[in-house]
Amino acid sequence: MAMTVRLPEELDAQLEAIARARHTSKHAVIIEAATSFANSESKTDRVLSIADEITERYQALALIAKLGLHVRDEGLLFSALA
């Protein structure tokens, strides 16, 4: 997919210098940077989603334990301290 991106002059100059140092095109440098950013954001989204699931799971287990019930979850025994 083709698109036009207007870069600030300083960033354009930095990308040009990187491309020259790597003996590649500025286009290739931008594609590499965009790919790296997209992969990083995707991983961040997955980590945050997993963290949310864990938080919800253990909040529910804490409530169950507070009520004095015993629950076995992935080898861990939760029980109320009564």
PDB file of N, CA and C in Angstrom:
ATOM      1  N   MET A   1       0.841  -1.162   0.000  1.00  0.00           N
ATOM      2  CA  MET A   1       0.000   0.000   0.000  1.00  0.00           C
ATOM      3  C   MET A   1       0.899   1.242   0.000  1.00  0.00           C
ATOM      4  N   ALA A   2       0.618   2.147  -0.851  1.00  0.00           N
ATOM      5  CA  ALA A   2       1.401   3.377  -0.955  1.00  0.00           C
ATOM      6  C   ALA A   2       0.779   4.463  -0.089  1.00  0.00           C
ATOM      7  N   MET A   3       1.634   5.284   0.517  1.00  0.00           N
ATOM      8  CA  MET A   3       1.159   6.427   1.286  1.00  0.00           C
ATOM      9  C   MET A   3       2.248   7.490   1.332  1.00  0.00           C
ATOM     10  N   THR A   4       1.840   8.687   1.577  1.00  0.00           N
ATOM     11  CA  THR A   4       2.775   9.793   1.695  1.00  0.00           C
ATOM     12  C   THR A   4       2.901  10.153   3.167  1.00  0.00           C
ATOM     13  N   VAL A   5       4.132  10.286   3.615  1.00  0.00           N
ATOM     14  CA  VAL A   5       4.391  10.663   5.003  1.00  0.00           C
ATOM     15  C   VAL A   5       5.271  11.900   4.989  1.00  0.00           C
ATOM     16  N   ARG A   6       4.817  12.928   5.647  1.00  0.00           N
ATOM     17  CA  ARG A   6       5.606  14.162   5.760  1.00  0.00           C
ATOM     18  C   ARG A   6       6.362  14.108   7.094  1.00  0.00           C
ATOM     19  N   LEU A   7       7.679  14.143   6.989  1.00  0.00           N
ATOM     20  CA  LEU A   7       8.531  14.049   8.171  1.00  0.00           C
ATOM     21  C   LEU A   7       9.133  15.407   8.497  1.00  0.00           C
ATOM     22  N   PRO A   8       9.312  15.675   9.773  1.00  0.00           N
ATOM     23  CA  PRO A   8      10.061  16.884  10.143  1.00  0.00           C
ATOM     24  C   PRO A   8      11.470  16.790   9.554  1.00  0.00           C
ATOM     25  N   GLU A   9      12.038  17.926   9.188  1.00  0.00           N
ATOM     26  CA  GLU A   9      13.352  17.944   8.529  1.00  0.00           C
ATOM     27  C   GLU A   9      14.421  17.220   9.333  1.00  0.00           C
ATOM     28  N   GLU A  10      14.423  17.426  10.649  1.00  0.00           N
ATOM     29  CA  GLU A  10      15.442  16.794  11.491  1.00  0.00           C
ATOM     30  C   GLU A  10      15.328  15.272  11.454  1.00  0.00           C
ATOM     31  N   LEU A  11      14.098  14.760  11.557  1.00  0.00           N
ATOM     32  CA  LEU A  11      13.897  13.311  11.500  1.00  0.00           C
ATOM     33  C   LEU A  11      14.278  12.767  10.135  1.00  0.00           C
ATOM     34  N   ASP A  12      13.917  13.479   9.081  1.00  0.00           N
ATOM     35  CA  ASP A  12      14.273  13.062   7.725  1.00  0.00           C
ATOM     36  C   ASP A  12      15.790  12.961   7.583  1.00  0.00           C
ATOM     37  N   ALA A  13      16.502  13.951   8.120  1.00  0.00           N
ATOM     38  CA  ALA A  13      17.966  13.945   8.049  1.00  0.00           C
ATOM     39  C   ALA A  13      18.542  12.768   8.837  1.00  0.00           C
ATOM     40  N   GLN A  14      17.971  12.489  10.005  1.00  0.00           N
ATOM     41  CA  GLN A  14      18.438  11.346  10.810  1.00  0.00           C
ATOM     42  C   GLN A  14      18.232  10.033  10.065  1.00  0.00           C
ATOM     43  N   LEU A  15      17.057   9.878   9.466  1.00  0.00           N
ATOM     44  CA  LEU A  15      16.775   8.655   8.713  1.00  0.00           C
ATOM     45  C   LEU A  15      17.694   8.519   7.508  1.00  0.00           C
ATOM     46  N   GLU A  16      17.946   9.619   6.850  1.00  0.00           N
ATOM     47  CA  GLU A  16      18.863   9.616   5.702  1.00  0.00           C
ATOM     48  C   GLU A  16      20.256   9.183   6.138  1.00  0.00           C
ATOM     49  N   ALA A  17      20.724   9.699   7.269  1.00  0.00           N
ATOM     50  CA  ALA A  17      22.055   9.332   7.781  1.00  0.00           C
ATOM     51  C   ALA A  17      22.112   7.848   8.144  1.00  0.00           C
ATOM     52  N   ILE A  18      21.061   7.348   8.773  1.00  0.00           N
ATOM     53  CA  ILE A  18      21.010   5.922   9.129  1.00  0.00           C
ATOM     54  C   ILE A  18      21.041   5.070   7.871  1.00  0.00           C
ATOM     55  N   ALA A  19      20.258   5.449   6.885  1.00  0.00           N
ATOM     56  CA  ALA A  19      20.206   4.693   5.629  1.00  0.00           C
ATOM     57  C   ALA A  19      21.578   4.672   4.952  1.00  0.00           C
ATOM     58  N   ARG A  20      22.242   5.829   4.905  1.00  0.00           N
ATOM     59  CA  ARG A  20      23.578   5.889   4.298  1.00  0.00           C
ATOM     60  C   ARG A  20      24.555   4.993   5.049  1.00  0.00           C
ATOM     61  N   ALA A  21      24.521   5.053   6.382  1.00  0.00           N
ATOM     62  CA  ALA A  21      25.444   4.248   7.192  1.00  0.00           C
ATOM     63  C   ALA A  21      25.201   2.749   6.994  1.00  0.00           C
ATOM     64  N   ARG A  22      23.974   2.382   6.730  1.00  0.00           N
ATOM     65  CA  ARG A  22      23.637   0.963   6.529  1.00  0.00           C
ATOM     66  C   ARG A  22      23.698   0.536   5.069  1.00  0.00           C
ATOM     67  N   HIS A  23      23.982   1.477   4.201  1.00  0.00           N
ATOM     68  CA  HIS A  23      24.013   1.207   2.756  1.00  0.00           C
ATOM     69  C   HIS A  23      22.678   0.635   2.284  1.00  0.00           C
ATOM     70  N   THR A  24      21.617   1.310   2.700  1.00  0.00           N
ATOM     71  CA  THR A  24      20.271   0.890   2.317  1.00  0.00           C
ATOM     72  C   THR A  24      19.440   2.138   2.044  1.00  0.00           C
ATOM     73  N   SER A  25      18.188   1.941   1.736  1.00  0.00           N
ATOM     74  CA  SER A  25      17.322   3.085   1.443  1.00  0.00           C
ATOM     75  C   SER A  25      16.629   3.595   2.705  1.00  0.00           C
ATOM     76  N   LYS A  26      16.232   4.851   2.650  1.00  0.00           N
ATOM     77  CA  LYS A  26      15.463   5.427   3.753  1.00  0.00           C
ATOM     78  C   LYS A  26      14.140   4.665   3.890  1.00  0.00           C
ATOM     79  N   HIS A  27      13.578   4.256   2.774  1.00  0.00           N
ATOM     80  CA  HIS A  27      12.344   3.472   2.780  1.00  0.00           C
ATOM     81  C   HIS A  27      12.526   2.199   3.622  1.00  0.00           C
ATOM     82  N   ALA A  28      13.637   1.496   3.412  1.00  0.00           N
ATOM     83  CA  ALA A  28      13.895   0.261   4.161  1.00  0.00           C
ATOM     84  C   ALA A  28      14.032   0.540   5.652  1.00  0.00           C
ATOM     85  N   VAL A  29      14.670   1.646   5.997  1.00  0.00           N
ATOM     86  CA  VAL A  29      14.838   2.017   7.410  1.00  0.00           C
ATOM     87  C   VAL A  29      13.478   2.304   8.034  1.00  0.00           C
ATOM     88  N   ILE A  30      12.626   3.022   7.322  1.00  0.00           N
ATOM     89  CA  ILE A  30      11.291   3.353   7.837  1.00  0.00           C
ATOM     90  C   ILE A  30      10.440   2.091   7.986  1.00  0.00           C
ATOM     91  N   ILE A  31      10.511   1.188   7.010  1.00  0.00           N
ATOM     92  CA  ILE A  31       9.758  -0.074   7.099  1.00  0.00           C
ATOM     93  C   ILE A  31      10.221  -0.876   8.312  1.00  0.00           C
ATOM     94  N   GLU A  32      11.529  -0.948   8.535  1.00  0.00           N
ATOM     95  CA  GLU A  32      12.058  -1.672   9.699  1.00  0.00           C
ATOM     96  C   GLU A  32      11.571  -1.050  11.003  1.00  0.00           C
ATOM     97  N   ALA A  33      11.607   0.274  11.073  1.00  0.00           N
ATOM     98  CA  ALA A  33      11.163   0.968  12.292  1.00  0.00           C
ATOM     99  C   ALA A  33       9.670   0.768  12.521  1.00  0.00           C
ATOM    100  N   ALA A  34       8.872   0.868  11.469  1.00  0.00           N
ATOM    101  CA  ALA A  34       7.421   0.700  11.601  1.00  0.00           C
ATOM    102  C   ALA A  34       7.082  -0.733  12.010  1.00  0.00           C
ATOM    103  N   THR A  35       7.774  -1.696  11.450  1.00  0.00           N
ATOM    104  CA  THR A  35       7.552  -3.104  11.800  1.00  0.00           C
ATOM    105  C   THR A  35       7.896  -3.354  13.261  1.00  0.00           C
ATOM    106  N   SER A  36       9.032  -2.813  13.694  1.00  0.00           N
ATOM    107  CA  SER A  36       9.451  -2.969  15.087  1.00  0.00           C
ATOM    108  C   SER A  36       8.430  -2.346  16.030  1.00  0.00           C
ATOM    109  N   PHE A  37       7.951  -1.153  15.697  1.00  0.00           N
ATOM    110  CA  PHE A  37       6.954  -0.470  16.520  1.00  0.00           C
ATOM    111  C   PHE A  37       5.657  -1.282  16.590  1.00  0.00           C
ATOM    112  N   ALA A  38       5.179  -1.761  15.451  1.00  0.00           N
ATOM    113  CA  ALA A  38       3.927  -2.529  15.417  1.00  0.00           C
ATOM    114  C   ALA A  38       4.056  -3.810  16.244  1.00  0.00           C
ATOM    115  N   ASN A  39       5.181  -4.495  16.117  1.00  0.00           N
ATOM    116  CA  ASN A  39       5.396  -5.720  16.902  1.00  0.00           C
ATOM    117  C   ASN A  39       5.444  -5.417  18.391  1.00  0.00           C
ATOM    118  N   SER A  40       6.106  -4.339  18.756  1.00  0.00           N
ATOM    119  CA  SER A  40       6.205  -3.954  20.162  1.00  0.00           C
ATOM    120  C   SER A  40       4.837  -3.615  20.737  1.00  0.00           C
ATOM    121  N   GLU A  41       4.052  -2.851  20.000  1.00  0.00           N
ATOM    122  CA  GLU A  41       2.713  -2.488  20.459  1.00  0.00           C
ATOM    123  C   GLU A  41       1.824  -3.716  20.590  1.00  0.00           C
ATOM    124  N   SER A  42       1.948  -4.643  19.662  1.00  0.00           N
ATOM    125  CA  SER A  42       1.155  -5.871  19.713  1.00  0.00           C
ATOM    126  C   SER A  42       1.500  -6.675  20.968  1.00  0.00           C
ATOM    127  N   LYS A  43       2.789  -6.776  21.272  1.00  0.00           N
ATOM    128  CA  LYS A  43       3.219  -7.497  22.474  1.00  0.00           C
ATOM    129  C   LYS A  43       2.730  -6.783  23.727  1.00  0.00           C
ATOM    130  N   THR A  44       2.794  -5.464  23.727  1.00  0.00           N
ATOM    131  CA  THR A  44       2.326  -4.685  24.875  1.00  0.00           C
ATOM    132  C   THR A  44       0.846  -4.920  25.107  1.00  0.00           C
ATOM    133  N   ASP A  45       0.052  -4.914  24.036  1.00  0.00           N
ATOM    134  CA  ASP A  45      -1.385  -5.169  24.152  1.00  0.00           C
ATOM    135  C   ASP A  45      -1.657  -6.551  24.731  1.00  0.00           C
ATOM    136  N   ARG A  46      -0.888  -7.556  24.282  1.00  0.00           N
ATOM    137  CA  ARG A  46      -1.079  -8.919  24.798  1.00  0.00           C
ATOM    138  C   ARG A  46      -0.723  -8.990  26.277  1.00  0.00           C
ATOM    139  N   VAL A  47       0.378  -8.358  26.666  1.00  0.00           N
ATOM    140  CA  VAL A  47       0.806  -8.376  28.071  1.00  0.00           C
ATOM    141  C   VAL A  47      -0.236  -7.700  28.947  1.00  0.00           C
ATOM    142  N   LEU A  48      -0.741  -6.549  28.506  1.00  0.00           N
ATOM    143  CA  LEU A  48      -1.756  -5.839  29.289  1.00  0.00           C
ATOM    144  C   LEU A  48      -3.033  -6.654  29.399  1.00  0.00           C
ATOM    145  N   SER A  49      -3.411  -7.336  28.329  1.00  0.00           N
ATOM    146  CA  SER A  49      -4.604  -8.182  28.361  1.00  0.00           C
ATOM    147  C   SER A  49      -4.429  -9.332  29.348  1.00  0.00           C
ATOM    148  N   ILE A  50      -3.272  -9.961  29.322  1.00  0.00           N
ATOM    149  CA  ILE A  50      -2.990 -11.062  30.256  1.00  0.00           C
ATOM    150  C   ILE A  50      -2.983 -10.544  31.692  1.00  0.00           C
ATOM    151  N   ALA A  51      -2.390  -9.379  31.904  1.00  0.00           N
ATOM    152  CA  ALA A  51      -2.354  -8.800  33.251  1.00  0.00           C
ATOM    153  C   ALA A  51      -3.766  -8.525  33.758  1.00  0.00           C
ATOM    154  N   ASP A  52      -4.635  -8.020  32.889  1.00  0.00           N
ATOM    155  CA  ASP A  52      -6.029  -7.781  33.273  1.00  0.00           C
ATOM    156  C   ASP A  52      -6.725  -9.084  33.665  1.00  0.00           C
ATOM    157  N   GLU A  53      -6.501 -10.138  32.879  1.00  0.00           N
ATOM    158  CA  GLU A  53      -7.115 -11.435  33.181  1.00  0.00           C
ATOM    159  C   GLU A  53      -6.633 -11.971  34.531  1.00  0.00           C
ATOM    160  N   ILE A  54      -5.342 -11.846  34.779  1.00  0.00           N
ATOM    161  CA  ILE A  54      -4.776 -12.327  36.049  1.00  0.00           C
ATOM    162  C   ILE A  54      -5.352 -11.532  37.216  1.00  0.00           C
ATOM    163  N   THR A  55      -5.438 -10.230  37.063  1.00  0.00           N
ATOM    164  CA  THR A  55      -5.994  -9.376  38.118  1.00  0.00           C
ATOM    165  C   THR A  55      -7.424  -9.779  38.433  1.00  0.00           C
ATOM    166  N   GLU A  56      -8.238  -9.965  37.402  1.00  0.00           N
ATOM    167  CA  GLU A  56      -9.635 -10.362  37.608  1.00  0.00           C
ATOM    168  C   GLU A  56      -9.719 -11.718  38.290  1.00  0.00           C
ATOM    169  N   ARG A  57      -8.877 -12.643  37.848  1.00  0.00           N
ATOM    170  CA  ARG A  57      -8.900 -14.001  38.400  1.00  0.00           C
ATOM    171  C   ARG A  57      -8.565 -13.990  39.886  1.00  0.00           C
ATOM    172  N   TYR A  58      -7.515 -13.275  40.262  1.00  0.00           N
ATOM    173  CA  TYR A  58      -7.090 -13.290  41.653  1.00  0.00           C
ATOM    174  C   TYR A  58      -7.940 -12.398  42.552  1.00  0.00           C
ATOM    175  N   GLN A  59      -8.603 -11.419  41.993  1.00  0.00           N
ATOM    176  CA  GLN A  59      -9.576 -10.658  42.779  1.00  0.00           C
ATOM    177  C   GLN A  59     -10.744 -11.564  43.143  1.00  0.00           C
ATOM    178  N   ALA A  60     -11.181 -12.375  42.188  1.00  0.00           N
ATOM    179  CA  ALA A  60     -12.271 -13.318  42.462  1.00  0.00           C
ATOM    180  C   ALA A  60     -11.826 -14.345  43.497  1.00  0.00           C
ATOM    181  N   LEU A  61     -10.604 -14.845  43.369  1.00  0.00           N
ATOM    182  CA  LEU A  61     -10.108 -15.829  44.339  1.00  0.00           C
ATOM    183  C   LEU A  61      -9.963 -15.211  45.736  1.00  0.00           C
ATOM    184  N   ALA A  62      -9.537 -13.967  45.803  1.00  0.00           N
ATOM    185  CA  ALA A  62      -9.414 -13.286  47.097  1.00  0.00           C
ATOM    186  C   ALA A  62     -10.781 -13.131  47.750  1.00  0.00           C
ATOM    187  N   LEU A  63     -11.790 -12.821  46.949  1.00  0.00           N
ATOM    188  CA  LEU A  63     -13.147 -12.699  47.480  1.00  0.00           C
ATOM    189  C   LEU A  63     -13.639 -14.046  48.003  1.00  0.00           C
ATOM    190  N   ILE A  64     -13.390 -15.099  47.251  1.00  0.00           N
ATOM    191  CA  ILE A  64     -13.796 -16.439  47.679  1.00  0.00           C
ATOM    192  C   ILE A  64     -13.097 -16.803  48.983  1.00  0.00           C
ATOM    193  N   ALA A  65     -11.805 -16.499  49.055  1.00  0.00           N
ATOM    194  CA  ALA A  65     -11.055 -16.796  50.284  1.00  0.00           C
ATOM    195  C   ALA A  65     -11.589 -15.977  51.449  1.00  0.00           C
ATOM    196  N   LYS A  66     -11.940 -14.725  51.199  1.00  0.00           N
ATOM    197  CA  LYS A  66     -12.469 -13.860  52.243  1.00  0.00           C
ATOM    198  C   LYS A  66     -13.785 -14.395  52.794  1.00  0.00           C
ATOM    199  N   LEU A  67     -14.528 -15.062  51.928  1.00  0.00           N
ATOM    200  CA  LEU A  67     -15.797 -15.653  52.347  1.00  0.00           C
ATOM    201  C   LEU A  67     -15.592 -16.957  53.122  1.00  0.00           C
ATOM    202  N   GLY A  68     -14.337 -17.398  53.229  1.00  0.00           N
ATOM    203  CA  GLY A  68     -14.044 -18.595  54.009  1.00  0.00           C
ATOM    204  C   GLY A  68     -14.112 -19.880  53.211  1.00  0.00           C
ATOM    205  N   LEU A  69     -14.156 -19.780  51.908  1.00  0.00           N
ATOM    206  CA  LEU A  69     -14.210 -20.969  51.070  1.00  0.00           C
ATOM    207  C   LEU A  69     -12.800 -21.374  50.670  1.00  0.00           C
ATOM    208  N   HIS A  70     -12.632 -22.621  50.282  1.00  0.00           N
ATOM    209  CA  HIS A  70     -11.339 -23.129  49.837  1.00  0.00           C
ATOM    210  C   HIS A  70     -11.419 -23.363  48.335  1.00  0.00           C
ATOM    211  N   VAL A  71     -10.405 -22.900  47.616  1.00  0.00           N
ATOM    212  CA  VAL A  71     -10.381 -23.053  46.165  1.00  0.00           C
ATOM    213  C   VAL A  71      -8.990 -23.505  45.753  1.00  0.00           C
ATOM    214  N   ARG A  72      -8.934 -24.529  44.935  1.00  0.00           N
ATOM    215  CA  ARG A  72      -7.651 -24.966  44.388  1.00  0.00           C
ATOM    216  C   ARG A  72      -7.568 -24.417  42.966  1.00  0.00           C
ATOM    217  N   ASP A  73      -6.504 -23.628  42.707  1.00  0.00           N
ATOM    218  CA  ASP A  73      -6.329 -23.014  41.391  1.00  0.00           C
ATOM    219  C   ASP A  73      -4.892 -23.201  40.942  1.00  0.00           C
ATOM    220  N   GLU A  74      -4.678 -24.006  39.906  1.00  0.00           N
ATOM    221  CA  GLU A  74      -3.359 -24.255  39.338  1.00  0.00           C
ATOM    222  C   GLU A  74      -2.331 -24.614  40.415  1.00  0.00           C
ATOM    223  N   GLY A  75      -2.739 -25.487  41.306  1.00  0.00           N
ATOM    224  CA  GLY A  75      -1.816 -25.975  42.306  1.00  0.00           C
ATOM    225  C   GLY A  75      -1.696 -25.111  43.546  1.00  0.00           C
ATOM    226  N   LEU A  76      -2.384 -23.978  43.585  1.00  0.00           N
ATOM    227  CA  LEU A  76      -2.319 -23.111  44.749  1.00  0.00           C
ATOM    228  C   LEU A  76      -3.593 -23.266  45.553  1.00  0.00           C
ATOM    229  N   LEU A  77      -3.479 -23.359  46.851  1.00  0.00           N
ATOM    230  CA  LEU A  77      -4.652 -23.476  47.712  1.00  0.00           C
ATOM    231  C   LEU A  77      -4.901 -22.131  48.369  1.00  0.00           C
ATOM    232  N   PHE A  78      -6.089 -21.603  48.137  1.00  0.00           N
ATOM    233  CA  PHE A  78      -6.493 -20.340  48.742  1.00  0.00           C
ATOM    234  C   PHE A  78      -7.518 -20.651  49.819  1.00  0.00           C
ATOM    235  N   SER A  79      -7.322 -20.123  50.994  1.00  0.00           N
ATOM    236  CA  SER A  79      -8.300 -20.305  52.061  1.00  0.00           C
ATOM    237  C   SER A  79      -8.320 -19.075  52.936  1.00  0.00           C
ATOM    238  N   ALA A  80      -9.424 -18.884  53.585  1.00  0.00           N
ATOM    239  CA  ALA A  80      -9.566 -17.706  54.458  1.00  0.00           C
ATOM    240  C   ALA A  80      -8.782 -17.933  55.738  1.00  0.00           C
ATOM    241  N   LEU A  81      -8.230 -16.843  56.268  1.00  0.00           N
ATOM    242  CA  LEU A  81      -7.528 -16.902  57.535  1.00  0.00           C
ATOM    243  C   LEU A  81      -8.496 -16.520  58.628  1.00  0.00           C
ATOM    244  N   ALA A  82      -9.243 -17.465  59.113  1.00  0.00           N
ATOM    245  CA  ALA A  82     -10.279 -17.169  60.108  1.00  0.00           C
ATOM    246  C   ALA A  82      -9.849 -17.601  61.481  1.00  0.00           C
TER     247      ALA A  82
END
